[in-house]
Amino acid sequence: GRTFPTHDLAWFRQTPGNERSFVAAIRLSRGNT
């Protein structure tokens, strides 16, 4: 499906018993991180 260039892609992580936490993101249109 189309993600470039209209989306941000992010990575989250989660350990047992905890909420998902943000790790990193990239703006696919410009490469900002």
PDB file of all heavy atoms in Angstrom:
ATOM      1  N   GLY A   1       0.848  -1.182   0.000  1.00  0.00           N
ATOM      2  CA  GLY A   1       0.000   0.000   0.000  1.00  0.00           C
ATOM      3  C   GLY A   1       0.882   1.230   0.000  1.00  0.00           C
ATOM      4  O   GLY A   1       2.074   1.164   0.337  1.00  0.00           O
ATOM      5  N   ARG A   2       0.312   2.339  -0.355  1.00  0.00           N
ATOM      6  CA  ARG A   2       1.122   3.539  -0.537  1.00  0.00           C
ATOM      7  C   ARG A   2       1.453   4.194   0.800  1.00  0.00           C
ATOM      8  O   ARG A   2       0.570   4.581   1.550  1.00  0.00           O
ATOM      9  CB  ARG A   2       0.375   4.535  -1.424  1.00  0.00           C
ATOM     10  CG  ARG A   2       1.230   5.734  -1.791  1.00  0.00           C
ATOM     11  CD  ARG A   2       0.443   6.736  -2.595  1.00  0.00           C
ATOM     12  NE  ARG A   2       1.291   7.873  -2.978  1.00  0.00           N
ATOM     13  CZ  ARG A   2       0.819   9.017  -3.420  1.00  0.00           C
ATOM     14  NH1 ARG A   2      -0.467   9.188  -3.563  1.00  0.00           N
ATOM     15  NH2 ARG A   2       1.650   9.989  -3.750  1.00  0.00           N
ATOM     16  N   THR A   3       2.757   4.282   1.099  1.00  0.00           N
ATOM     17  CA  THR A   3       3.194   5.025   2.275  1.00  0.00           C
ATOM     18  C   THR A   3       4.092   6.195   1.898  1.00  0.00           C
ATOM     19  O   THR A   3       4.114   7.203   2.598  1.00  0.00           O
ATOM     20  CB  THR A   3       3.955   4.109   3.248  1.00  0.00           C
ATOM     21  OG1 THR A   3       5.027   3.465   2.541  1.00  0.00           O
ATOM     22  CG2 THR A   3       3.038   3.051   3.838  1.00  0.00           C
ATOM     23  N   PHE A   4       4.888   6.049   0.815  1.00  0.00           N
ATOM     24  CA  PHE A   4       5.717   7.154   0.327  1.00  0.00           C
ATOM     25  C   PHE A   4       4.858   8.033  -0.568  1.00  0.00           C
ATOM     26  O   PHE A   4       4.180   7.512  -1.438  1.00  0.00           O
ATOM     27  CB  PHE A   4       6.910   6.601  -0.456  1.00  0.00           C
ATOM     28  CG  PHE A   4       7.979   5.982   0.388  1.00  0.00           C
ATOM     29  CD1 PHE A   4       7.899   4.656   0.778  1.00  0.00           C
ATOM     30  CD2 PHE A   4       9.069   6.722   0.799  1.00  0.00           C
ATOM     31  CE1 PHE A   4       8.880   4.077   1.546  1.00  0.00           C
ATOM     32  CE2 PHE A   4      10.065   6.150   1.563  1.00  0.00           C
ATOM     33  CZ  PHE A   4       9.972   4.827   1.942  1.00  0.00           C
ATOM     34  N   PRO A   5       4.901   9.342  -0.474  1.00  0.00           N
ATOM     35  CA  PRO A   5       5.621  10.112   0.535  1.00  0.00           C
ATOM     36  C   PRO A   5       4.716  10.677   1.623  1.00  0.00           C
ATOM     37  O   PRO A   5       5.087  11.635   2.291  1.00  0.00           O
ATOM     38  CB  PRO A   5       6.177  11.251  -0.322  1.00  0.00           C
ATOM     39  CG  PRO A   5       5.059  11.534  -1.281  1.00  0.00           C
ATOM     40  CD  PRO A   5       4.387  10.193  -1.558  1.00  0.00           C
ATOM     41  N   THR A   6       3.573  10.086   1.806  1.00  0.00           N
ATOM     42  CA  THR A   6       2.520  10.731   2.597  1.00  0.00           C
ATOM     43  C   THR A   6       2.483  10.345   4.072  1.00  0.00           C
ATOM     44  O   THR A   6       1.651  10.851   4.810  1.00  0.00           O
ATOM     45  CB  THR A   6       1.162  10.373   1.987  1.00  0.00           C
ATOM     46  OG1 THR A   6       1.075   8.943   1.869  1.00  0.00           O
ATOM     47  CG2 THR A   6       1.005  11.011   0.610  1.00  0.00           C
ATOM     48  N   HIS A   7       3.346   9.430   4.487  1.00  0.00           N
ATOM     49  CA  HIS A   7       3.231   8.895   5.844  1.00  0.00           C
ATOM     50  C   HIS A   7       4.503   9.121   6.663  1.00  0.00           C
ATOM     51  O   HIS A   7       5.599   9.298   6.126  1.00  0.00           O
ATOM     52  CB  HIS A   7       2.958   7.388   5.798  1.00  0.00           C
ATOM     53  CG  HIS A   7       1.551   7.052   5.402  1.00  0.00           C
ATOM     54  ND1 HIS A   7       1.061   7.312   4.151  1.00  0.00           N
ATOM     55  CD2 HIS A   7       0.538   6.486   6.109  1.00  0.00           C
ATOM     56  CE1 HIS A   7      -0.196   6.898   4.100  1.00  0.00           C
ATOM     57  NE2 HIS A   7      -0.542   6.399   5.261  1.00  0.00           N
ATOM     58  N   ASP A   8       4.322   9.091   7.975  1.00  0.00           N
ATOM     59  CA  ASP A   8       5.427   8.901   8.908  1.00  0.00           C
ATOM     60  C   ASP A   8       5.466   7.415   9.245  1.00  0.00           C
ATOM     61  O   ASP A   8       4.420   6.785   9.473  1.00  0.00           O
ATOM     62  CB  ASP A   8       5.220   9.687  10.198  1.00  0.00           C
ATOM     63  CG  ASP A   8       5.456  11.172  10.019  1.00  0.00           C
ATOM     64  OD1 ASP A   8       6.001  11.576   8.978  1.00  0.00           O
ATOM     65  OD2 ASP A   8       5.085  11.928  10.939  1.00  0.00           O
ATOM     66  N   LEU A   9       6.673   6.850   9.294  1.00  0.00           N
ATOM     67  CA  LEU A   9       6.863   5.480   9.751  1.00  0.00           C
ATOM     68  C   LEU A   9       7.608   5.540  11.076  1.00  0.00           C
ATOM     69  O   LEU A   9       8.601   6.263  11.194  1.00  0.00           O
ATOM     70  CB  LEU A   9       7.696   4.701   8.735  1.00  0.00           C
ATOM     71  CG  LEU A   9       7.021   3.548   8.014  1.00  0.00           C
ATOM     72  CD1 LEU A   9       6.709   2.420   8.966  1.00  0.00           C
ATOM     73  CD2 LEU A   9       5.769   4.008   7.306  1.00  0.00           C
ATOM     74  N   ALA A  10       7.148   4.794  12.040  1.00  0.00           N
ATOM     75  CA  ALA A  10       7.765   4.818  13.356  1.00  0.00           C
ATOM     76  C   ALA A  10       8.007   3.407  13.866  1.00  0.00           C
ATOM     77  O   ALA A  10       7.359   2.452  13.421  1.00  0.00           O
ATOM     78  CB  ALA A  10       6.874   5.564  14.343  1.00  0.00           C
ATOM     79  N   TRP A  11       8.952   3.313  14.766  1.00  0.00           N
ATOM     80  CA  TRP A  11       9.195   2.079  15.506  1.00  0.00           C
ATOM     81  C   TRP A  11       8.844   2.322  16.972  1.00  0.00           C
ATOM     82  O   TRP A  11       9.231   3.344  17.552  1.00  0.00           O
ATOM     83  CB  TRP A  11      10.649   1.639  15.388  1.00  0.00           C
ATOM     84  CG  TRP A  11      11.007   1.084  14.053  1.00  0.00           C
ATOM     85  CD1 TRP A  11      11.514   1.772  12.986  1.00  0.00           C
ATOM     86  CD2 TRP A  11      10.877  -0.267  13.617  1.00  0.00           C
ATOM     87  NE1 TRP A  11      11.709   0.936  11.917  1.00  0.00           N
ATOM     88  CE2 TRP A  11      11.327  -0.332  12.282  1.00  0.00           C
ATOM     89  CE3 TRP A  11      10.425  -1.447  14.214  1.00  0.00           C
ATOM     90  CZ2 TRP A  11      11.338  -1.523  11.535  1.00  0.00           C
ATOM     91  CZ3 TRP A  11      10.440  -2.621  13.487  1.00  0.00           C
ATOM     92  CH2 TRP A  11      10.890  -2.656  12.154  1.00  0.00           C
ATOM     93  N   PHE A  12       8.126   1.364  17.554  1.00  0.00           N
ATOM     94  CA  PHE A  12       7.826   1.334  18.973  1.00  0.00           C
ATOM     95  C   PHE A  12       8.346   0.011  19.521  1.00  0.00           C
ATOM     96  O   PHE A  12       8.610  -0.930  18.769  1.00  0.00           O
ATOM     97  CB  PHE A  12       6.311   1.419  19.197  1.00  0.00           C
ATOM     98  CG  PHE A  12       5.716   2.765  18.897  1.00  0.00           C
ATOM     99  CD1 PHE A  12       5.466   3.159  17.590  1.00  0.00           C
ATOM    100  CD2 PHE A  12       5.395   3.637  19.917  1.00  0.00           C
ATOM    101  CE1 PHE A  12       4.919   4.395  17.303  1.00  0.00           C
ATOM    102  CE2 PHE A  12       4.835   4.885  19.647  1.00  0.00           C
ATOM    103  CZ  PHE A  12       4.593   5.258  18.339  1.00  0.00           C
ATOM    104  N   ARG A  13       8.448  -0.070  20.829  1.00  0.00           N
ATOM    105  CA  ARG A  13       8.802  -1.336  21.453  1.00  0.00           C
ATOM    106  C   ARG A  13       7.987  -1.545  22.717  1.00  0.00           C
ATOM    107  O   ARG A  13       7.509  -0.582  23.332  1.00  0.00           O
ATOM    108  CB  ARG A  13      10.302  -1.410  21.747  1.00  0.00           C
ATOM    109  CG  ARG A  13      10.835  -0.377  22.722  1.00  0.00           C
ATOM    110  CD  ARG A  13      12.359  -0.455  22.759  1.00  0.00           C
ATOM    111  NE  ARG A  13      12.945   0.491  23.698  1.00  0.00           N
ATOM    112  CZ  ARG A  13      14.250   0.710  23.830  1.00  0.00           C
ATOM    113  NH1 ARG A  13      15.122   0.036  23.064  1.00  0.00           N
ATOM    114  NH2 ARG A  13      14.702   1.583  24.718  1.00  0.00           N
ATOM    115  N   GLN A  14       7.849  -2.804  23.079  1.00  0.00           N
ATOM    116  CA  GLN A  14       7.006  -3.145  24.221  1.00  0.00           C
ATOM    117  C   GLN A  14       7.592  -4.326  24.963  1.00  0.00           C
ATOM    118  O   GLN A  14       7.969  -5.330  24.344  1.00  0.00           O
ATOM    119  CB  GLN A  14       5.583  -3.463  23.748  1.00  0.00           C
ATOM    120  CG  GLN A  14       4.580  -3.652  24.860  1.00  0.00           C
ATOM    121  CD  GLN A  14       3.169  -3.784  24.325  1.00  0.00           C
ATOM    122  OE1 GLN A  14       2.936  -4.179  23.184  1.00  0.00           O
ATOM    123  NE2 GLN A  14       2.195  -3.446  25.162  1.00  0.00           N
ATOM    124  N   THR A  15       7.627  -4.212  26.303  1.00  0.00           N
ATOM    125  CA  THR A  15       8.019  -5.315  27.168  1.00  0.00           C
ATOM    126  C   THR A  15       6.792  -5.776  27.940  1.00  0.00           C
ATOM    127  O   THR A  15       5.833  -5.017  28.098  1.00  0.00           O
ATOM    128  CB  THR A  15       9.132  -4.891  28.122  1.00  0.00           C
ATOM    129  OG1 THR A  15       8.716  -3.727  28.847  1.00  0.00           O
ATOM    130  CG2 THR A  15      10.404  -4.558  27.351  1.00  0.00           C
ATOM    131  N   PRO A  16       6.789  -7.008  28.441  1.00  0.00           N
ATOM    132  CA  PRO A  16       5.612  -7.545  29.139  1.00  0.00           C
ATOM    133  C   PRO A  16       5.181  -6.653  30.290  1.00  0.00           C
ATOM    134  O   PRO A  16       6.003  -6.226  31.102  1.00  0.00           O
ATOM    135  CB  PRO A  16       6.099  -8.908  29.628  1.00  0.00           C
ATOM    136  CG  PRO A  16       7.150  -9.298  28.646  1.00  0.00           C
ATOM    137  CD  PRO A  16       7.842  -8.025  28.284  1.00  0.00           C
ATOM    138  N   GLY A  17       3.894  -6.364  30.334  1.00  0.00           N
ATOM    139  CA  GLY A  17       3.338  -5.573  31.408  1.00  0.00           C
ATOM    140  C   GLY A  17       3.481  -4.083  31.232  1.00  0.00           C
ATOM    141  O   GLY A  17       3.046  -3.311  32.096  1.00  0.00           O
ATOM    142  N   ASN A  18       4.076  -3.658  30.129  1.00  0.00           N
ATOM    143  CA  ASN A  18       4.288  -2.229  29.880  1.00  0.00           C
ATOM    144  C   ASN A  18       3.608  -1.789  28.589  1.00  0.00           C
ATOM    145  O   ASN A  18       3.331  -2.610  27.710  1.00  0.00           O
ATOM    146  CB  ASN A  18       5.780  -1.913  29.797  1.00  0.00           C
ATOM    147  CG  ASN A  18       6.472  -2.122  31.121  1.00  0.00           C
ATOM    148  OD1 ASN A  18       6.095  -1.550  32.137  1.00  0.00           O
ATOM    149  ND2 ASN A  18       7.495  -2.968  31.126  1.00  0.00           N
ATOM    150  N   GLU A  19       3.378  -0.503  28.482  1.00  0.00           N
ATOM    151  CA  GLU A  19       2.806   0.038  27.261  1.00  0.00           C
ATOM    152  C   GLU A  19       3.897   0.149  26.200  1.00  0.00           C
ATOM    153  O   GLU A  19       5.088   0.155  26.499  1.00  0.00           O
ATOM    154  CB  GLU A  19       2.192   1.415  27.532  1.00  0.00           C
ATOM    155  CG  GLU A  19       1.023   1.381  28.490  1.00  0.00           C
ATOM    156  CD  GLU A  19       0.408   2.744  28.676  1.00  0.00           C
ATOM    157  OE1 GLU A  19       0.963   3.733  28.166  1.00  0.00           O
ATOM    158  OE2 GLU A  19      -0.644   2.825  29.338  1.00  0.00           O
ATOM    159  N   ARG A  20       3.447   0.269  24.962  1.00  0.00           N
ATOM    160  CA  ARG A  20       4.393   0.480  23.874  1.00  0.00           C
ATOM    161  C   ARG A  20       5.033   1.849  24.018  1.00  0.00           C
ATOM    162  O   ARG A  20       4.356   2.840  24.312  1.00  0.00           O
ATOM    163  CB  ARG A  20       3.681   0.366  22.521  1.00  0.00           C
ATOM    164  CG  ARG A  20       3.258  -1.043  22.213  1.00  0.00           C
ATOM    165  CD  ARG A  20       2.620  -1.191  20.869  1.00  0.00           C
ATOM    166  NE  ARG A  20       2.044  -2.531  20.759  1.00  0.00           N
ATOM    167  CZ  ARG A  20       1.451  -3.003  19.674  1.00  0.00           C
ATOM    168  NH1 ARG A  20       1.349  -2.243  18.590  1.00  0.00           N
ATOM    169  NH2 ARG A  20       0.973  -4.226  19.674  1.00  0.00           N
ATOM    170  N   SER A  21       6.333   1.893  23.789  1.00  0.00           N
ATOM    171  CA  SER A  21       7.050   3.157  23.901  1.00  0.00           C
ATOM    172  C   SER A  21       7.715   3.493  22.570  1.00  0.00           C
ATOM    173  O   SER A  21       8.157   2.601  21.835  1.00  0.00           O
ATOM    174  CB  SER A  21       8.095   3.094  25.015  1.00  0.00           C
ATOM    175  OG  SER A  21       9.054   2.108  24.745  1.00  0.00           O
ATOM    176  N   PHE A  22       7.772   4.763  22.301  1.00  0.00           N
ATOM    177  CA  PHE A  22       8.316   5.274  21.050  1.00  0.00           C
ATOM    178  C   PHE A  22       9.821   5.051  20.988  1.00  0.00           C
ATOM    179  O   PHE A  22      10.525   5.252  21.988  1.00  0.00           O
ATOM    180  CB  PHE A  22       7.992   6.760  20.930  1.00  0.00           C
ATOM    181  CG  PHE A  22       8.634   7.435  19.764  1.00  0.00           C
ATOM    182  CD1 PHE A  22       8.086   7.322  18.496  1.00  0.00           C
ATOM    183  CD2 PHE A  22       9.785   8.183  19.930  1.00  0.00           C
ATOM    184  CE1 PHE A  22       8.683   7.948  17.411  1.00  0.00           C
ATOM    185  CE2 PHE A  22      10.382   8.819  18.866  1.00  0.00           C
ATOM    186  CZ  PHE A  22       9.832   8.696  17.603  1.00  0.00           C
ATOM    187  N   VAL A  23      10.299   4.679  19.806  1.00  0.00           N
ATOM    188  CA  VAL A  23      11.728   4.479  19.601  1.00  0.00           C
ATOM    189  C   VAL A  23      12.275   5.487  18.583  1.00  0.00           C
ATOM    190  O   VAL A  23      13.211   6.225  18.862  1.00  0.00           O
ATOM    191  CB  VAL A  23      12.018   3.053  19.115  1.00  0.00           C
ATOM    192  CG1 VAL A  23      13.510   2.882  18.792  1.00  0.00           C
ATOM    193  CG2 VAL A  23      11.582   2.025  20.154  1.00  0.00           C
ATOM    194  N   ALA A  24      11.684   5.516  17.397  1.00  0.00           N
ATOM    195  CA  ALA A  24      12.180   6.397  16.336  1.00  0.00           C
ATOM    196  C   ALA A  24      11.115   6.548  15.273  1.00  0.00           C
ATOM    197  O   ALA A  24      10.223   5.698  15.155  1.00  0.00           O
ATOM    198  CB  ALA A  24      13.456   5.826  15.715  1.00  0.00           C
ATOM    199  N   ALA A  25      11.228   7.633  14.495  1.00  0.00           N
ATOM    200  CA  ALA A  25      10.286   7.870  13.402  1.00  0.00           C
ATOM    201  C   ALA A  25      10.999   8.544  12.245  1.00  0.00           C
ATOM    202  O   ALA A  25      12.020   9.226  12.439  1.00  0.00           O
ATOM    203  CB  ALA A  25       9.117   8.726  13.867  1.00  0.00           C
ATOM    204  N   ILE A  26      10.434   8.360  11.065  1.00  0.00           N
ATOM    205  CA  ILE A  26      10.968   9.002   9.869  1.00  0.00           C
ATOM    206  C   ILE A  26       9.817   9.523   9.021  1.00  0.00           C
ATOM    207  O   ILE A  26       8.785   8.854   8.900  1.00  0.00           O
ATOM    208  CB  ILE A  26      11.856   8.022   9.056  1.00  0.00           C
ATOM    209  CG1 ILE A  26      12.542   8.747   7.892  1.00  0.00           C
ATOM    210  CG2 ILE A  26      11.073   6.811   8.578  1.00  0.00           C
ATOM    211  CD1 ILE A  26      13.660   7.927   7.254  1.00  0.00           C
ATOM    212  N   ARG A  27       9.995  10.729   8.500  1.00  0.00           N
ATOM    213  CA  ARG A  27       8.998  11.310   7.596  1.00  0.00           C
ATOM    214  C   ARG A  27       9.405  10.909   6.187  1.00  0.00           C
ATOM    215  O   ARG A  27      10.449  11.346   5.692  1.00  0.00           O
ATOM    216  CB  ARG A  27       8.961  12.815   7.743  1.00  0.00           C
ATOM    217  CG  ARG A  27       7.934  13.485   6.819  1.00  0.00           C
ATOM    218  CD  ARG A  27       7.275  14.667   7.484  1.00  0.00           C
ATOM    219  NE  ARG A  27       6.587  14.269   8.684  1.00  0.00           N
ATOM    220  CZ  ARG A  27       6.321  15.103   9.690  1.00  0.00           C
ATOM    221  NH1 ARG A  27       6.690  16.364   9.630  1.00  0.00           N
ATOM    222  NH2 ARG A  27       5.691  14.658  10.757  1.00  0.00           N
ATOM    223  N   LEU A  28       8.582  10.099   5.540  1.00  0.00           N
ATOM    224  CA  LEU A  28       8.976   9.479   4.283  1.00  0.00           C
ATOM    225  C   LEU A  28       9.096  10.486   3.148  1.00  0.00           C
ATOM    226  O   LEU A  28       9.797  10.239   2.172  1.00  0.00           O
ATOM    227  CB  LEU A  28       7.987   8.369   3.919  1.00  0.00           C
ATOM    228  CG  LEU A  28       7.931   7.231   4.940  1.00  0.00           C
ATOM    229  CD1 LEU A  28       6.916   6.187   4.507  1.00  0.00           C
ATOM    230  CD2 LEU A  28       9.298   6.603   5.140  1.00  0.00           C
ATOM    231  N   SER A  29       8.445  11.627   3.260  1.00  0.00           N
ATOM    232  CA  SER A  29       8.512  12.630   2.201  1.00  0.00           C
ATOM    233  C   SER A  29       9.860  13.327   2.153  1.00  0.00           C
ATOM    234  O   SER A  29      10.336  13.679   1.075  1.00  0.00           O
ATOM    235  CB  SER A  29       7.401  13.655   2.402  1.00  0.00           C
ATOM    236  OG  SER A  29       7.524  14.259   3.671  1.00  0.00           O
ATOM    237  N   ARG A  30      10.487  13.523   3.321  1.00  0.00           N
ATOM    238  CA  ARG A  30      11.729  14.312   3.361  1.00  0.00           C
ATOM    239  C   ARG A  30      12.884  13.614   4.037  1.00  0.00           C
ATOM    240  O   ARG A  30      14.002  14.106   4.019  1.00  0.00           O
ATOM    241  CB  ARG A  30      11.464  15.645   4.076  1.00  0.00           C
ATOM    242  CG  ARG A  30      10.559  16.578   3.303  1.00  0.00           C
ATOM    243  CD  ARG A  30      10.396  17.897   4.027  1.00  0.00           C
ATOM    244  NE  ARG A  30       9.678  18.864   3.211  1.00  0.00           N
ATOM    245  CZ  ARG A  30       9.346  20.084   3.614  1.00  0.00           C
ATOM    246  NH1 ARG A  30       9.673  20.479   4.829  1.00  0.00           N
ATOM    247  NH2 ARG A  30       8.696  20.893   2.816  1.00  0.00           N
ATOM    248  N   GLY A  31      12.618  12.519   4.709  1.00  0.00           N
ATOM    249  CA  GLY A  31      13.690  11.820   5.403  1.00  0.00           C
ATOM    250  C   GLY A  31      14.025  12.372   6.766  1.00  0.00           C
ATOM    251  O   GLY A  31      14.983  11.914   7.395  1.00  0.00           O
ATOM    252  N   ASN A  32      13.254  13.332   7.268  1.00  0.00           N
ATOM    253  CA  ASN A  32      13.478  13.831   8.626  1.00  0.00           C
ATOM    254  C   ASN A  32      13.293  12.690   9.609  1.00  0.00           C
ATOM    255  O   ASN A  32      12.434  11.820   9.425  1.00  0.00           O
ATOM    256  CB  ASN A  32      12.475  14.929   8.975  1.00  0.00           C
ATOM    257  CG  ASN A  32      12.386  15.992   7.909  1.00  0.00           C
ATOM    258  OD1 ASN A  32      12.036  15.684   6.767  1.00  0.00           O
ATOM    259  ND2 ASN A  32      12.699  17.213   8.263  1.00  0.00           N
ATOM    260  N   THR A  33      14.074  12.721  10.662  1.00  0.00           N
ATOM    261  CA  THR A  33      13.998  11.657  11.662  1.00  0.00           C
ATOM    262  C   THR A  33      13.868  12.233  13.066  1.00  0.00           C
ATOM    263  O   THR A  33      14.197  13.400  13.316  1.00  0.00           O
ATOM    264  CB  THR A  33      15.247  10.764  11.604  1.00  0.00           C
ATOM    265  OG1 THR A  33      16.415  11.572  11.810  1.00  0.00           O
ATOM    266  CG2 THR A  33      15.351  10.043  10.275  1.00  0.00           C
TER     267      THR A  33
END
